[in-house]
Amino acid sequence: QSLLTLGRVITALVNPGESKYVPYRDSKLTRLLQDSLGGRAKTTLIATVAPGKDCVEETLSTLQYALRARSIQNRPEQHARYHGKAIVKAHAREVDELQ
């Protein structure tokens, strides 16, 4: 069920015009991945496929899934409070305000 819900989340993120609702809360997996999927984090998806003829259908399904996931637009950004120079500037500004 979690992978099915993950597929619905990916579809909702790839096609934002169809529905504004993204079902993150429908499974534990998508709830955990909420910040990574369509959020402000860099995300990597590894699609594992088999070279055998008996796995062709599953391989095609996996590749289609990965292609849809690849279309998600993330906006990664660095948190300023964890950047060393930003911390120093923030503290210097705070000291100036206190004086």
Protein backbone atom coordinates (compact mmCIF):
# COMPACT_ATOMS: atom_id res chain seq x y z
CA GLN A 1 0.00 0.00 0.00
CA SER A 2 2.86 2.39 0.73
CA LEU A 3 4.30 2.08 -2.78
CA LEU A 4 0.86 2.66 -4.28
CA THR A 5 0.48 5.79 -2.16
CA LEU A 6 3.99 6.89 -3.14
CA GLY A 7 2.93 6.57 -6.78
CA ARG A 8 -0.14 8.73 -6.11
CA VAL A 9 2.02 11.36 -4.39
CA ILE A 10 4.45 11.41 -7.31
CA THR A 11 1.57 11.75 -9.77
CA ALA A 12 0.08 14.61 -7.73
CA LEU A 13 3.44 16.41 -7.62
CA VAL A 14 4.15 15.94 -11.33
CA ASN A 15 0.66 17.14 -12.35
CA PRO A 16 -0.08 20.01 -9.93
CA GLY A 17 -2.85 21.45 -12.11
CA GLU A 18 -5.10 18.41 -11.74
CA SER A 19 -5.38 18.46 -7.95
CA LYS A 20 -3.92 20.61 -5.21
CA TYR A 21 -4.20 17.74 -2.68
CA VAL A 22 -1.08 15.63 -2.25
CA PRO A 23 -1.82 12.46 -0.19
CA TYR A 24 1.28 12.54 2.05
CA ARG A 25 -0.64 11.36 5.11
CA ASP A 26 -2.06 8.24 3.47
CA SER A 27 0.95 6.07 4.41
CA LYS A 28 3.89 6.12 6.78
CA LEU A 29 6.37 6.02 3.90
CA THR A 30 5.03 9.12 2.18
CA ARG A 31 4.74 10.91 5.52
CA LEU A 32 8.44 10.25 6.15
CA LEU A 33 9.40 11.33 2.62
CA GLN A 34 7.24 14.47 2.64
CA ASP A 35 10.18 16.87 2.96
CA SER A 36 12.17 15.04 0.27
CA LEU A 37 9.38 14.77 -2.30
CA GLY A 38 8.65 18.14 -3.81
CA GLY A 39 10.21 19.93 -0.87
CA ARG A 40 13.42 21.79 -0.29
CA ALA A 41 15.81 18.86 -0.23
CA LYS A 42 17.98 17.12 -2.76
CA THR A 43 16.51 13.70 -3.46
CA THR A 44 17.96 10.68 -5.22
CA LEU A 45 15.92 7.75 -6.49
CA ILE A 46 17.63 4.51 -7.39
CA ALA A 47 15.61 2.28 -9.72
CA THR A 48 16.80 -1.32 -9.70
CA VAL A 49 15.96 -3.36 -12.78
CA ALA A 50 16.66 -6.95 -13.82
CA PRO A 51 18.21 -7.86 -17.19
CA GLY A 52 16.28 -11.12 -17.57
CA LYS A 53 13.54 -11.69 -20.16
CA ASP A 54 11.15 -12.92 -17.51
CA CYS A 55 11.32 -9.55 -15.71
CA VAL A 56 10.55 -7.29 -18.67
CA GLU A 57 7.13 -6.18 -17.41
CA GLU A 58 8.42 -5.34 -13.94
CA THR A 59 11.46 -3.56 -15.39
CA LEU A 60 9.28 -1.38 -17.64
CA SER A 61 7.01 -0.55 -14.71
CA THR A 62 10.01 0.43 -12.58
CA LEU A 63 11.44 2.63 -15.32
CA GLN A 64 8.08 4.39 -15.87
CA TYR A 65 7.86 4.97 -12.10
CA ALA A 66 11.38 6.44 -12.07
CA LEU A 67 10.60 8.64 -15.06
CA ARG A 68 7.56 10.10 -13.31
CA ALA A 69 9.57 10.64 -10.11
CA ARG A 70 12.28 12.39 -12.13
CA SER A 71 9.74 15.01 -13.24
CA ILE A 72 9.20 16.28 -9.68
CA GLN A 73 10.55 19.82 -9.26
CA ASN A 74 12.37 20.31 -5.96
CA ARG A 75 13.73 23.63 -4.72
CA PRO A 76 16.73 22.73 -2.53
CA GLU A 77 18.09 25.52 -0.38
CA GLN A 78 20.68 25.71 2.32
CA HIS A 79 19.54 26.52 5.82
CA ALA A 80 21.18 29.81 6.75
CA ARG A 81 21.27 29.06 10.45
CA TYR A 82 23.62 26.11 9.91
CA HIS A 83 26.03 28.01 7.68
CA GLY A 84 29.06 29.19 9.68
CA LYS A 85 29.30 32.73 8.28
CA ALA A 86 25.57 33.28 8.64
CA ILE A 87 25.73 32.28 12.32
CA VAL A 88 28.55 34.75 12.96
CA LYS A 89 26.66 37.56 11.18
CA ALA A 90 23.46 36.78 13.08
CA HIS A 91 25.25 36.84 16.43
CA ALA A 92 27.12 40.05 15.54
CA ARG A 93 23.83 41.67 14.59
CA GLU A 94 22.25 40.49 17.84
CA VAL A 95 25.20 41.89 19.88
CA ASP A 96 24.87 45.25 18.09
CA GLU A 97 21.13 45.35 18.86
CA LEU A 98 21.76 44.57 22.54
CA GLN A 99 24.37 47.31 22.88
